Amino acid sequence: MTRSRLDRPGGAVTHPRLDHLVYAVPDLAAGVAEFAERTGISPAPGGSHPGGTANHLVRFGPSSYLEIIGPDPAATVRPRAFGLETLAEPRLAAWAVRPDDLDTSVRRAREQGYDPGDVQPLSRRTPAGELLEWRLTRREDPAEVVPVPFLIDWGATRHPADSDLPLVSLIAFSAAHPRSEALRRDLAALGVRLDVADGPAPALRAVIGTPRGDVILR
């Protein structure tokens, strides 16, 4: 396995640009229960989004985390985000990076031939009632797995990982794509580093360290 180019201070994997990985599940309660069974870690409820999704979280460190996202059980319409409208089984669907200046990063990426999409505001409330607000890039992409990250800016909001979320370690993170060189160009336009291999279909792969050993998410 090729390891992603992430720093490993003290054995903990961190990266100044990685914000979070998105693990999409068709049923949130079942997906969280399966994750807990595989890892020995029970993800913490994160809250509900206006778009009909809800999430649970575990952190990799003080500035990055894993988001387990699925349809909000209280919502009446199945959401489209991350392919949830037709999702049949859990998958590592997307990831986010946090640039120093989101708007500048969007402009520079477009100048280099990659359009990250428009910047839009989003928000959710935590189970404790705290309002979290952020901005991110949104791009129409029908792919089930999107190996090019979206960009996110938390502004004045406290980062979700800067809390007492359950802790796991991110050991490795990589992507595969049938057009790997094109993917590398898109990543370079965003100033993002990631190990990329040739593969039959777009795919993301993460190895996380847990009390029950290393667990692969893909």
N, C-alpha and C. Protein backbone atom coordinates (compact mmCIF):
# COMPACT_ATOMS: atom_id res chain seq x y z
N MET A 1 0.84 -1.19 0.00
CA MET A 1 0.00 0.00 0.00
C MET A 1 0.88 1.24 0.00
N THR A 2 0.53 2.23 -0.81
CA THR A 2 1.25 3.49 -0.82
C THR A 2 0.64 4.42 0.21
N ARG A 3 1.48 4.96 1.08
CA ARG A 3 0.97 5.85 2.11
C ARG A 3 0.82 7.26 1.55
N SER A 4 -0.21 7.96 2.03
CA SER A 4 -0.36 9.35 1.63
C SER A 4 0.74 10.18 2.25
N ARG A 5 1.07 11.30 1.62
CA ARG A 5 2.16 12.12 2.11
C ARG A 5 1.64 13.02 3.23
N LEU A 6 1.50 12.44 4.39
CA LEU A 6 1.05 13.16 5.56
C LEU A 6 2.15 13.11 6.61
N ASP A 7 2.28 14.18 7.37
CA ASP A 7 3.27 14.20 8.44
C ASP A 7 2.83 13.28 9.57
N ARG A 8 3.83 12.74 10.31
CA ARG A 8 3.50 11.84 11.40
C ARG A 8 4.21 12.25 12.68
N PRO A 9 3.93 13.45 13.24
CA PRO A 9 4.55 13.83 14.49
C PRO A 9 4.04 12.97 15.64
N GLY A 10 4.95 12.33 16.35
CA GLY A 10 4.55 11.54 17.51
C GLY A 10 3.67 10.36 17.17
N GLY A 11 3.69 9.93 15.91
CA GLY A 11 2.90 8.78 15.53
C GLY A 11 1.47 9.11 15.14
N ALA A 12 1.06 10.37 15.31
CA ALA A 12 -0.30 10.76 14.93
C ALA A 12 -0.25 11.43 13.57
N VAL A 13 -1.14 11.00 12.68
CA VAL A 13 -1.13 11.55 11.33
C VAL A 13 -1.91 12.86 11.31
N THR A 14 -1.28 13.90 10.83
CA THR A 14 -1.94 15.19 10.71
C THR A 14 -1.54 15.81 9.38
N HIS A 15 -2.26 16.83 8.98
CA HIS A 15 -1.91 17.58 7.79
C HIS A 15 -2.55 18.95 7.93
N PRO A 16 -1.82 20.02 7.66
CA PRO A 16 -2.39 21.35 7.88
C PRO A 16 -3.52 21.69 6.93
N ARG A 17 -3.67 20.95 5.82
CA ARG A 17 -4.71 21.28 4.85
C ARG A 17 -5.92 20.34 4.94
N LEU A 18 -5.74 19.16 5.46
CA LEU A 18 -6.86 18.22 5.55
C LEU A 18 -7.88 18.71 6.57
N ASP A 19 -9.14 18.79 6.17
CA ASP A 19 -10.19 19.18 7.11
C ASP A 19 -10.98 17.96 7.57
N HIS A 20 -11.57 17.24 6.61
CA HIS A 20 -12.28 16.03 7.01
C HIS A 20 -12.51 15.10 5.83
N LEU A 21 -12.75 13.83 6.15
CA LEU A 21 -13.15 12.82 5.20
C LEU A 21 -14.64 12.57 5.36
N VAL A 22 -15.31 12.26 4.26
CA VAL A 22 -16.76 12.06 4.27
C VAL A 22 -17.06 10.59 3.99
N TYR A 23 -17.61 9.91 4.97
CA TYR A 23 -18.01 8.51 4.84
C TYR A 23 -19.53 8.48 4.77
N ALA A 24 -20.07 8.24 3.56
CA ALA A 24 -21.52 8.29 3.36
C ALA A 24 -22.14 6.92 3.61
N VAL A 25 -23.27 6.91 4.29
CA VAL A 25 -23.96 5.66 4.62
C VAL A 25 -25.44 5.80 4.28
N PRO A 26 -26.07 4.73 3.77
CA PRO A 26 -27.49 4.84 3.38
C PRO A 26 -28.43 4.93 4.57
N ASP A 27 -28.04 4.39 5.72
CA ASP A 27 -28.83 4.45 6.95
C ASP A 27 -27.91 4.89 8.06
N LEU A 28 -28.17 6.05 8.65
CA LEU A 28 -27.22 6.63 9.58
C LEU A 28 -27.05 5.78 10.84
N ALA A 29 -28.14 5.35 11.44
CA ALA A 29 -28.03 4.55 12.66
C ALA A 29 -27.28 3.25 12.41
N ALA A 30 -27.60 2.58 11.30
CA ALA A 30 -26.93 1.32 10.98
C ALA A 30 -25.46 1.55 10.65
N GLY A 31 -25.17 2.64 9.93
CA GLY A 31 -23.80 2.94 9.57
C GLY A 31 -22.93 3.25 10.78
N VAL A 32 -23.48 4.00 11.72
CA VAL A 32 -22.75 4.32 12.94
C VAL A 32 -22.53 3.06 13.77
N ALA A 33 -23.54 2.20 13.86
CA ALA A 33 -23.41 0.95 14.62
C ALA A 33 -22.35 0.05 14.00
N GLU A 34 -22.31 -0.03 12.68
CA GLU A 34 -21.31 -0.86 12.01
C GLU A 34 -19.91 -0.31 12.25
N PHE A 35 -19.76 1.02 12.17
CA PHE A 35 -18.46 1.63 12.43
C PHE A 35 -18.00 1.32 13.85
N ALA A 36 -18.90 1.43 14.82
CA ALA A 36 -18.55 1.16 16.21
C ALA A 36 -18.15 -0.30 16.41
N GLU A 37 -18.82 -1.21 15.72
CA GLU A 37 -18.49 -2.63 15.83
C GLU A 37 -17.11 -2.91 15.24
N ARG A 38 -16.78 -2.27 14.12
CA ARG A 38 -15.49 -2.51 13.46
C ARG A 38 -14.33 -1.89 14.23
N THR A 39 -14.56 -0.75 14.87
CA THR A 39 -13.46 0.04 15.43
C THR A 39 -13.37 0.02 16.95
N GLY A 40 -14.48 -0.26 17.63
CA GLY A 40 -14.51 -0.12 19.07
C GLY A 40 -14.69 1.32 19.52
N ILE A 41 -15.00 2.20 18.60
CA ILE A 41 -15.21 3.63 18.87
C ILE A 41 -16.64 4.00 18.49
N SER A 42 -17.35 4.66 19.39
CA SER A 42 -18.72 5.11 19.10
C SER A 42 -18.69 6.57 18.65
N PRO A 43 -18.95 6.87 17.38
CA PRO A 43 -18.94 8.25 16.91
C PRO A 43 -19.96 9.11 17.65
N ALA A 44 -19.62 10.38 17.82
CA ALA A 44 -20.50 11.31 18.54
C ALA A 44 -21.49 11.95 17.57
N PRO A 45 -22.74 12.14 17.99
CA PRO A 45 -23.70 12.84 17.12
C PRO A 45 -23.20 14.25 16.80
N GLY A 46 -23.29 14.61 15.52
CA GLY A 46 -22.86 15.95 15.12
C GLY A 46 -24.01 16.91 14.97
N GLY A 47 -25.14 16.44 14.46
CA GLY A 47 -26.29 17.31 14.27
C GLY A 47 -26.91 17.11 12.90
N SER A 48 -27.93 17.91 12.61
CA SER A 48 -28.68 17.82 11.36
C SER A 48 -28.39 19.02 10.48
N HIS A 49 -28.42 18.77 9.15
CA HIS A 49 -28.23 19.83 8.17
C HIS A 49 -29.58 20.18 7.55
N PRO A 50 -29.75 21.44 7.10
CA PRO A 50 -31.01 21.81 6.45
C PRO A 50 -31.32 20.99 5.21
N GLY A 51 -30.31 20.41 4.55
CA GLY A 51 -30.54 19.67 3.32
C GLY A 51 -31.05 18.25 3.50
N GLY A 52 -31.38 17.84 4.73
CA GLY A 52 -31.93 16.51 4.95
C GLY A 52 -30.92 15.46 5.34
N THR A 53 -29.72 15.88 5.75
CA THR A 53 -28.71 14.94 6.21
C THR A 53 -28.41 15.17 7.69
N ALA A 54 -27.80 14.18 8.30
CA ALA A 54 -27.32 14.30 9.67
C ALA A 54 -26.00 13.55 9.74
N ASN A 55 -25.21 13.81 10.79
CA ASN A 55 -23.91 13.16 10.85
C ASN A 55 -23.50 12.78 12.25
N HIS A 56 -22.50 11.92 12.30
CA HIS A 56 -21.77 11.56 13.51
C HIS A 56 -20.29 11.74 13.20
N LEU A 57 -19.49 12.02 14.23
CA LEU A 57 -18.10 12.40 14.01
C LEU A 57 -17.14 11.67 14.93
N VAL A 58 -15.93 11.44 14.41
CA VAL A 58 -14.77 11.10 15.23
C VAL A 58 -13.63 11.99 14.73
N ARG A 59 -12.68 12.28 15.57
CA ARG A 59 -11.60 13.19 15.16
C ARG A 59 -10.30 12.45 14.97
N PHE A 60 -9.47 13.00 14.05
CA PHE A 60 -8.12 12.51 13.85
C PHE A 60 -7.13 13.29 14.71
N GLY A 61 -7.51 14.46 15.13
CA GLY A 61 -6.66 15.36 15.91
C GLY A 61 -7.42 16.65 16.14
N PRO A 62 -6.74 17.74 16.51
CA PRO A 62 -7.44 18.98 16.84
C PRO A 62 -7.98 19.75 15.65
N SER A 63 -7.65 19.33 14.42
CA SER A 63 -8.08 20.13 13.27
C SER A 63 -8.58 19.29 12.10
N SER A 64 -8.81 17.99 12.30
CA SER A 64 -9.34 17.16 11.21
C SER A 64 -10.17 16.02 11.79
N TYR A 65 -11.11 15.53 10.99
CA TYR A 65 -12.05 14.54 11.52
C TYR A 65 -12.63 13.69 10.40
N LEU A 66 -13.33 12.64 10.81
CA LEU A 66 -14.11 11.79 9.91
C LEU A 66 -15.58 12.08 10.15
N GLU A 67 -16.28 12.38 9.07
CA GLU A 67 -17.72 12.61 9.14
C GLU A 67 -18.45 11.40 8.57
N ILE A 68 -19.30 10.79 9.39
CA ILE A 68 -20.20 9.73 8.91
C ILE A 68 -21.54 10.41 8.66
N ILE A 69 -21.95 10.46 7.39
CA ILE A 69 -23.13 11.23 7.03
C ILE A 69 -24.16 10.33 6.35
N GLY A 70 -25.42 10.57 6.65
CA GLY A 70 -26.50 9.80 6.06
C GLY A 70 -27.79 10.60 6.09
N PRO A 71 -28.85 10.06 5.55
CA PRO A 71 -30.14 10.74 5.60
C PRO A 71 -30.57 11.00 7.04
N ASP A 72 -31.06 12.19 7.28
CA ASP A 72 -31.58 12.54 8.60
C ASP A 72 -32.87 11.74 8.83
N PRO A 73 -32.94 10.93 9.89
CA PRO A 73 -34.16 10.15 10.13
C PRO A 73 -35.40 11.02 10.28
N ALA A 74 -35.21 12.30 10.66
CA ALA A 74 -36.35 13.19 10.84
C ALA A 74 -36.77 13.88 9.54
N ALA A 75 -35.98 13.74 8.48
CA ALA A 75 -36.30 14.41 7.22
C ALA A 75 -37.29 13.58 6.41
N THR A 76 -38.07 14.25 5.58
CA THR A 76 -39.09 13.56 4.79
C THR A 76 -38.63 13.25 3.37
N VAL A 77 -37.56 13.89 2.91
CA VAL A 77 -37.05 13.68 1.56
C VAL A 77 -35.64 13.13 1.64
N ARG A 78 -35.34 12.12 0.84
CA ARG A 78 -33.99 11.56 0.83
C ARG A 78 -33.03 12.55 0.17
N PRO A 79 -31.94 12.90 0.82
CA PRO A 79 -31.03 13.91 0.28
C PRO A 79 -30.22 13.40 -0.90
N ARG A 80 -29.74 14.35 -1.73
CA ARG A 80 -28.93 14.00 -2.89
C ARG A 80 -27.43 14.12 -2.60
N ALA A 81 -27.07 14.84 -1.57
CA ALA A 81 -25.65 15.08 -1.29
C ALA A 81 -24.88 13.78 -1.15
N PHE A 82 -23.66 13.74 -1.73
CA PHE A 82 -22.75 12.59 -1.65
C PHE A 82 -23.38 11.30 -2.18
N GLY A 83 -24.33 11.44 -3.11
CA GLY A 83 -24.96 10.28 -3.71
C GLY A 83 -25.94 9.55 -2.80
N LEU A 84 -26.37 10.20 -1.72
CA LEU A 84 -27.22 9.52 -0.74
C LEU A 84 -28.59 9.14 -1.30
N GLU A 85 -29.01 9.81 -2.35
CA GLU A 85 -30.33 9.53 -2.92
C GLU A 85 -30.43 8.09 -3.42
N THR A 86 -29.30 7.55 -3.92
CA THR A 86 -29.32 6.18 -4.46
C THR A 86 -28.31 5.26 -3.78
N LEU A 87 -27.67 5.73 -2.73
CA LEU A 87 -26.61 4.96 -2.08
C LEU A 87 -27.16 3.65 -1.49
N ALA A 88 -26.49 2.54 -1.80
CA ALA A 88 -26.94 1.23 -1.31
C ALA A 88 -26.03 0.68 -0.22
N GLU A 89 -24.77 1.11 -0.17
CA GLU A 89 -23.86 0.62 0.85
C GLU A 89 -22.87 1.73 1.21
N PRO A 90 -22.27 1.67 2.41
CA PRO A 90 -21.36 2.74 2.84
C PRO A 90 -20.17 2.88 1.90
N ARG A 91 -19.70 4.12 1.75
CA ARG A 91 -18.49 4.34 0.97
C ARG A 91 -17.83 5.65 1.39
N LEU A 92 -16.52 5.68 1.23
CA LEU A 92 -15.76 6.91 1.42
C LEU A 92 -15.98 7.74 0.17
N ALA A 93 -16.78 8.80 0.27
CA ALA A 93 -17.31 9.47 -0.91
C ALA A 93 -16.59 10.76 -1.27
N ALA A 94 -16.00 11.45 -0.30
CA ALA A 94 -15.44 12.76 -0.58
C ALA A 94 -14.52 13.17 0.55
N TRP A 95 -13.86 14.30 0.35
CA TRP A 95 -13.01 14.85 1.41
C TRP A 95 -12.90 16.35 1.23
N ALA A 96 -12.45 17.01 2.27
CA ALA A 96 -12.37 18.47 2.26
C ALA A 96 -11.01 18.93 2.75
N VAL A 97 -10.54 20.03 2.16
CA VAL A 97 -9.32 20.68 2.64
C VAL A 97 -9.67 22.11 3.03
N ARG A 98 -8.86 22.65 3.91
CA ARG A 98 -9.11 23.98 4.46
C ARG A 98 -7.96 24.92 4.06
N PRO A 99 -8.13 25.70 3.00
CA PRO A 99 -7.06 26.60 2.56
C PRO A 99 -6.95 27.82 3.47
N ASP A 100 -5.84 28.52 3.36
CA ASP A 100 -5.67 29.76 4.14
C ASP A 100 -6.68 30.81 3.72
N ASP A 101 -6.99 30.87 2.43
CA ASP A 101 -7.96 31.84 1.90
C ASP A 101 -8.80 31.12 0.86
N LEU A 102 -10.04 30.83 1.18
CA LEU A 102 -10.90 30.04 0.31
C LEU A 102 -11.11 30.74 -1.03
N ASP A 103 -11.46 32.01 -1.01
CA ASP A 103 -11.78 32.71 -2.26
C ASP A 103 -10.56 32.82 -3.17
N THR A 104 -9.39 33.06 -2.59
CA THR A 104 -8.17 33.11 -3.39
C THR A 104 -7.87 31.74 -3.99
N SER A 105 -8.09 30.68 -3.22
CA SER A 105 -7.83 29.33 -3.73
C SER A 105 -8.76 28.99 -4.88
N VAL A 106 -10.01 29.41 -4.81
CA VAL A 106 -10.95 29.18 -5.91
C VAL A 106 -10.49 29.91 -7.17
N ARG A 107 -10.10 31.17 -7.00
CA ARG A 107 -9.64 31.94 -8.15
C ARG A 107 -8.40 31.32 -8.79
N ARG A 108 -7.44 30.93 -7.99
CA ARG A 108 -6.21 30.35 -8.52
C ARG A 108 -6.47 29.01 -9.20
N ALA A 109 -7.36 28.21 -8.63
CA ALA A 109 -7.67 26.93 -9.25
C ALA A 109 -8.31 27.13 -10.62
N ARG A 110 -9.21 28.09 -10.74
CA ARG A 110 -9.83 28.37 -12.03
C ARG A 110 -8.81 28.85 -13.04
N GLU A 111 -7.86 29.64 -12.59
CA GLU A 111 -6.81 30.12 -13.49
C GLU A 111 -5.96 28.96 -14.01
N GLN A 112 -5.88 27.88 -13.24
CA GLN A 112 -5.09 26.72 -13.63
C GLN A 112 -5.92 25.61 -14.27
N GLY A 113 -7.17 25.92 -14.58
CA GLY A 113 -7.97 24.99 -15.35
C GLY A 113 -8.91 24.09 -14.59
N TYR A 114 -9.05 24.29 -13.27
CA TYR A 114 -10.00 23.48 -12.51
C TYR A 114 -10.97 24.40 -11.78
N ASP A 115 -12.26 24.15 -11.94
CA ASP A 115 -13.29 24.96 -11.28
C ASP A 115 -13.83 24.19 -10.08
N PRO A 116 -13.53 24.64 -8.86
CA PRO A 116 -14.03 23.93 -7.66
C PRO A 116 -15.52 24.13 -7.43
N GLY A 117 -16.16 25.03 -8.17
CA GLY A 117 -17.56 25.33 -7.95
C GLY A 117 -17.73 26.63 -7.18
N ASP A 118 -18.98 27.02 -7.04
CA ASP A 118 -19.27 28.26 -6.33
C ASP A 118 -19.15 28.08 -4.83
N VAL A 119 -18.86 29.17 -4.15
CA VAL A 119 -18.76 29.17 -2.69
C VAL A 119 -20.14 29.43 -2.10
N GLN A 120 -20.57 28.56 -1.19
CA GLN A 120 -21.90 28.68 -0.60
C GLN A 120 -21.82 28.56 0.92
N PRO A 121 -22.70 29.26 1.64
CA PRO A 121 -22.74 29.13 3.10
C PRO A 121 -23.61 27.96 3.53
N LEU A 122 -23.20 27.27 4.59
CA LEU A 122 -23.99 26.20 5.18
C LEU A 122 -23.92 26.31 6.70
N SER A 123 -24.77 25.56 7.37
CA SER A 123 -24.76 25.60 8.84
C SER A 123 -25.45 24.35 9.38
N ARG A 124 -25.21 24.08 10.65
CA ARG A 124 -25.97 23.07 11.38
C ARG A 124 -25.88 23.39 12.86
N ARG A 125 -26.78 22.84 13.62
CA ARG A 125 -26.73 22.98 15.07
C ARG A 125 -26.29 21.66 15.68
N THR A 126 -25.43 21.75 16.67
CA THR A 126 -25.00 20.55 17.38
C THR A 126 -26.12 20.09 18.30
N PRO A 127 -26.04 18.86 18.80
CA PRO A 127 -27.07 18.41 19.76
C PRO A 127 -27.17 19.32 20.98
N ALA A 128 -26.08 20.03 21.30
CA ALA A 128 -26.11 20.95 22.44
C ALA A 128 -26.70 22.30 22.08
N GLY A 129 -27.03 22.50 20.81
CA GLY A 129 -27.64 23.75 20.38
C GLY A 129 -26.67 24.78 19.82
N GLU A 130 -25.37 24.45 19.75
CA GLU A 130 -24.39 25.39 19.22
C GLU A 130 -24.54 25.48 17.70
N LEU A 131 -24.58 26.70 17.17
CA LEU A 131 -24.70 26.91 15.74
C LEU A 131 -23.31 26.92 15.10
N LEU A 132 -23.10 26.02 14.16
CA LEU A 132 -21.86 25.98 13.40
C LEU A 132 -22.14 26.53 12.00
N GLU A 133 -21.32 27.46 11.54
CA GLU A 133 -21.50 28.06 10.23
C GLU A 133 -20.19 27.98 9.46
N TRP A 134 -20.27 27.68 8.18
CA TRP A 134 -19.07 27.57 7.36
C TRP A 134 -19.42 27.90 5.91
N ARG A 135 -18.38 28.06 5.10
CA ARG A 135 -18.53 28.22 3.67
C ARG A 135 -17.76 27.10 2.97
N LEU A 136 -18.31 26.63 1.86
CA LEU A 136 -17.61 25.60 1.11
C LEU A 136 -17.90 25.72 -0.37
N THR A 137 -17.09 25.04 -1.17
CA THR A 137 -17.31 25.02 -2.61
C THR A 137 -18.26 23.89 -2.95
N ARG A 138 -19.22 24.19 -3.82
CA ARG A 138 -20.20 23.20 -4.27
C ARG A 138 -20.10 23.07 -5.78
N ARG A 139 -19.97 21.85 -6.24
CA ARG A 139 -19.80 21.57 -7.67
C ARG A 139 -20.71 20.42 -8.06
N GLU A 140 -21.47 20.59 -9.13
CA GLU A 140 -22.33 19.51 -9.61
C GLU A 140 -21.45 18.41 -10.18
N ASP A 141 -21.49 17.24 -9.57
CA ASP A 141 -20.67 16.12 -10.02
C ASP A 141 -21.45 14.84 -9.77
N PRO A 142 -21.84 14.12 -10.84
CA PRO A 142 -22.67 12.92 -10.66
C PRO A 142 -21.89 11.70 -10.17
N ALA A 143 -20.56 11.82 -10.07
CA ALA A 143 -19.76 10.65 -9.68
C ALA A 143 -20.12 10.19 -8.27
N GLU A 144 -20.09 8.87 -8.07
CA GLU A 144 -20.38 8.33 -6.74
C GLU A 144 -19.28 8.66 -5.75
N VAL A 145 -18.05 8.73 -6.22
CA VAL A 145 -16.91 9.09 -5.39
C VAL A 145 -16.21 10.27 -6.06
N VAL A 146 -15.94 11.31 -5.30
CA VAL A 146 -15.29 12.51 -5.85
C VAL A 146 -13.90 12.62 -5.21
N PRO A 147 -12.84 12.24 -5.92
CA PRO A 147 -11.51 12.23 -5.33
C PRO A 147 -10.84 13.59 -5.26
N VAL A 148 -11.40 14.60 -5.94
CA VAL A 148 -10.89 15.96 -5.80
C VAL A 148 -11.60 16.61 -4.61
N PRO A 149 -10.89 17.14 -3.64
CA PRO A 149 -11.56 17.65 -2.45
C PRO A 149 -12.34 18.94 -2.70
N PHE A 150 -13.36 19.14 -1.91
CA PHE A 150 -13.98 20.46 -1.88
C PHE A 150 -13.25 21.31 -0.84
N LEU A 151 -13.42 22.62 -0.94
CA LEU A 151 -12.73 23.56 -0.06
C LEU A 151 -13.70 24.05 1.00
N ILE A 152 -13.20 24.28 2.20
CA ILE A 152 -14.06 24.69 3.30
C ILE A 152 -13.38 25.75 4.15
N ASP A 153 -14.19 26.66 4.67
CA ASP A 153 -13.70 27.73 5.54
C ASP A 153 -14.69 27.85 6.71
N TRP A 154 -14.19 27.62 7.93
CA TRP A 154 -15.05 27.66 9.11
C TRP A 154 -15.21 29.06 9.69
N GLY A 155 -14.49 30.04 9.14
CA GLY A 155 -14.64 31.40 9.62
C GLY A 155 -14.40 31.51 11.11
N ALA A 156 -15.34 32.13 11.81
CA ALA A 156 -15.20 32.34 13.25
C ALA A 156 -15.73 31.16 14.06
N THR A 157 -16.30 30.15 13.39
CA THR A 157 -16.85 28.99 14.10
C THR A 157 -15.73 28.10 14.63
N ARG A 158 -15.90 27.62 15.84
CA ARG A 158 -14.94 26.67 16.40
C ARG A 158 -14.96 25.39 15.57
N HIS A 159 -13.76 24.90 15.23
CA HIS A 159 -13.68 23.72 14.37
C HIS A 159 -14.28 22.51 15.09
N PRO A 160 -15.05 21.68 14.38
CA PRO A 160 -15.68 20.52 15.03
C PRO A 160 -14.69 19.59 15.72
N ALA A 161 -13.47 19.47 15.19
CA ALA A 161 -12.49 18.57 15.80
C ALA A 161 -11.87 19.15 17.06
N ASP A 162 -12.07 20.44 17.30
CA ASP A 162 -11.53 21.09 18.49
C ASP A 162 -12.52 20.89 19.64
N SER A 163 -12.69 19.63 20.02
CA SER A 163 -13.70 19.27 21.03
C SER A 163 -13.34 17.90 21.58
N ASP A 164 -14.24 17.33 22.36
CA ASP A 164 -13.97 16.04 22.99
C ASP A 164 -14.53 14.87 22.17
N LEU A 165 -14.51 15.01 20.85
CA LEU A 165 -14.94 13.90 20.00
C LEU A 165 -14.07 12.67 20.24
N PRO A 166 -14.60 11.47 20.03
CA PRO A 166 -13.77 10.26 20.11
C PRO A 166 -12.60 10.36 19.13
N LEU A 167 -11.46 9.81 19.53
CA LEU A 167 -10.23 9.98 18.76
C LEU A 167 -9.79 8.67 18.10
N VAL A 168 -9.49 8.75 16.79
CA VAL A 168 -8.84 7.67 16.05
C VAL A 168 -7.65 8.31 15.33
N SER A 169 -6.79 7.49 14.74
CA SER A 169 -5.66 8.04 13.99
C SER A 169 -5.84 7.76 12.51
N LEU A 170 -5.45 8.72 11.69
CA LEU A 170 -5.45 8.53 10.25
C LEU A 170 -4.05 8.08 9.84
N ILE A 171 -3.94 6.82 9.45
CA ILE A 171 -2.65 6.24 9.13
C ILE A 171 -2.27 6.49 7.67
N ALA A 172 -3.23 6.37 6.76
CA ALA A 172 -2.96 6.57 5.35
C ALA A 172 -4.23 7.00 4.64
N PHE A 173 -4.05 7.75 3.57
CA PHE A 173 -5.18 8.21 2.77
C PHE A 173 -4.70 8.35 1.33
N SER A 174 -5.45 7.78 0.39
CA SER A 174 -5.02 7.79 -1.01
C SER A 174 -6.23 7.70 -1.92
N ALA A 175 -5.97 7.84 -3.22
CA ALA A 175 -7.03 7.78 -4.22
C ALA A 175 -6.59 6.92 -5.39
N ALA A 176 -7.57 6.42 -6.14
CA ALA A 176 -7.32 5.73 -7.40
C ALA A 176 -8.27 6.30 -8.43
N HIS A 177 -7.83 6.26 -9.70
CA HIS A 177 -8.66 6.85 -10.75
C HIS A 177 -8.24 6.28 -12.10
N PRO A 178 -9.19 6.04 -13.01
CA PRO A 178 -8.81 5.54 -14.33
C PRO A 178 -8.04 6.56 -15.16
N ARG A 179 -8.18 7.84 -14.80
CA ARG A 179 -7.42 8.91 -15.46
C ARG A 179 -6.59 9.61 -14.38
N SER A 180 -5.61 8.88 -13.88
CA SER A 180 -4.86 9.35 -12.72
C SER A 180 -4.10 10.65 -12.99
N GLU A 181 -3.57 10.82 -14.20
CA GLU A 181 -2.84 12.05 -14.50
C GLU A 181 -3.76 13.25 -14.48
N ALA A 182 -4.97 13.10 -14.99
CA ALA A 182 -5.94 14.19 -14.95
C ALA A 182 -6.30 14.54 -13.51
N LEU A 183 -6.45 13.52 -12.67
CA LEU A 183 -6.73 13.77 -11.26
C LEU A 183 -5.57 14.52 -10.61
N ARG A 184 -4.35 14.12 -10.91
CA ARG A 184 -3.20 14.82 -10.34
C ARG A 184 -3.17 16.29 -10.76
N ARG A 185 -3.56 16.58 -12.00
CA ARG A 185 -3.59 17.97 -12.45
C ARG A 185 -4.63 18.78 -11.68
N ASP A 186 -5.80 18.18 -11.45
CA ASP A 186 -6.84 18.88 -10.69
C ASP A 186 -6.38 19.13 -9.26
N LEU A 187 -5.76 18.15 -8.65
CA LEU A 187 -5.25 18.32 -7.29
C LEU A 187 -4.19 19.41 -7.24
N ALA A 188 -3.31 19.43 -8.24
CA ALA A 188 -2.26 20.43 -8.28
C ALA A 188 -2.84 21.83 -8.43
N ALA A 189 -3.94 21.96 -9.17
CA ALA A 189 -4.58 23.26 -9.32
C ALA A 189 -5.08 23.80 -7.99
N LEU A 190 -5.42 22.90 -7.08
CA LEU A 190 -5.87 23.30 -5.74
C LEU A 190 -4.71 23.40 -4.76
N GLY A 191 -3.51 23.03 -5.19
CA GLY A 191 -2.35 23.04 -4.29
C GLY A 191 -2.40 21.92 -3.28
N VAL A 192 -3.03 20.79 -3.64
CA VAL A 192 -3.26 19.68 -2.72
C VAL A 192 -2.37 18.50 -3.11
N ARG A 193 -1.80 17.84 -2.11
CA ARG A 193 -1.00 16.63 -2.33
C ARG A 193 -1.79 15.40 -1.89
N LEU A 194 -1.73 14.37 -2.73
CA LEU A 194 -2.36 13.10 -2.37
C LEU A 194 -1.76 12.02 -3.23
N ASP A 195 -1.51 10.86 -2.66
CA ASP A 195 -1.04 9.72 -3.44
C ASP A 195 -2.18 9.24 -4.33
N VAL A 196 -1.90 9.10 -5.62
CA VAL A 196 -2.91 8.69 -6.60
C VAL A 196 -2.36 7.51 -7.41
N ALA A 197 -3.17 6.48 -7.55
CA ALA A 197 -2.79 5.31 -8.35
C ALA A 197 -3.81 5.11 -9.46
N ASP A 198 -3.43 4.33 -10.47
CA ASP A 198 -4.37 3.95 -11.51
C ASP A 198 -5.38 2.95 -10.93
N GLY A 199 -6.61 3.05 -11.37
CA GLY A 199 -7.65 2.13 -10.91
C GLY A 199 -8.79 2.09 -11.89
N PRO A 200 -9.64 1.08 -11.82
CA PRO A 200 -10.74 0.94 -12.77
C PRO A 200 -11.85 1.97 -12.60
N ALA A 201 -11.94 2.58 -11.41
CA ALA A 201 -12.99 3.55 -11.13
C ALA A 201 -12.47 4.51 -10.06
N PRO A 202 -13.04 5.73 -10.00
CA PRO A 202 -12.63 6.66 -8.94
C PRO A 202 -12.86 6.03 -7.57
N ALA A 203 -11.87 6.14 -6.69
CA ALA A 203 -11.98 5.53 -5.37
C ALA A 203 -11.11 6.29 -4.37
N LEU A 204 -11.58 6.35 -3.14
CA LEU A 204 -10.81 6.88 -2.02
C LEU A 204 -10.59 5.74 -1.03
N ARG A 205 -9.46 5.78 -0.35
CA ARG A 205 -9.13 4.71 0.60
C ARG A 205 -8.44 5.33 1.80
N ALA A 206 -8.94 5.05 2.98
CA ALA A 206 -8.33 5.53 4.21
C ALA A 206 -8.07 4.36 5.14
N VAL A 207 -6.95 4.42 5.83
CA VAL A 207 -6.63 3.45 6.88
C VAL A 207 -6.62 4.20 8.19
N ILE A 208 -7.45 3.77 9.12
CA ILE A 208 -7.51 4.45 10.41
C ILE A 208 -7.10 3.48 11.52
N GLY A 209 -6.39 4.01 12.49
CA GLY A 209 -5.99 3.22 13.63
C GLY A 209 -7.03 3.30 14.73
N THR A 210 -7.45 2.14 15.24
CA THR A 210 -8.53 2.08 16.22
C THR A 210 -8.16 1.09 17.32
N PRO A 211 -8.93 1.06 18.41
CA PRO A 211 -8.66 0.06 19.46
C PRO A 211 -8.73 -1.38 18.96
N ARG A 212 -9.40 -1.61 17.85
CA ARG A 212 -9.50 -2.96 17.30
C ARG A 212 -8.59 -3.17 16.10
N GLY A 213 -7.55 -2.36 16.02
CA GLY A 213 -6.59 -2.49 14.93
C GLY A 213 -6.87 -1.54 13.79
N ASP A 214 -6.07 -1.64 12.73
CA ASP A 214 -6.25 -0.80 11.57
C ASP A 214 -7.51 -1.21 10.81
N VAL A 215 -8.28 -0.20 10.42
CA VAL A 215 -9.53 -0.42 9.70
C VAL A 215 -9.45 0.34 8.39
N ILE A 216 -9.85 -0.31 7.31
CA ILE A 216 -9.84 0.32 5.98
C ILE A 216 -11.25 0.81 5.64
N LEU A 217 -11.34 2.06 5.23
CA LEU A 217 -12.59 2.62 4.73
C LEU A 217 -12.39 2.93 3.25
N ARG A 218 -13.37 2.55 2.44
CA ARG A 218 -13.30 2.86 1.01
C ARG A 218 -14.70 2.90 0.42
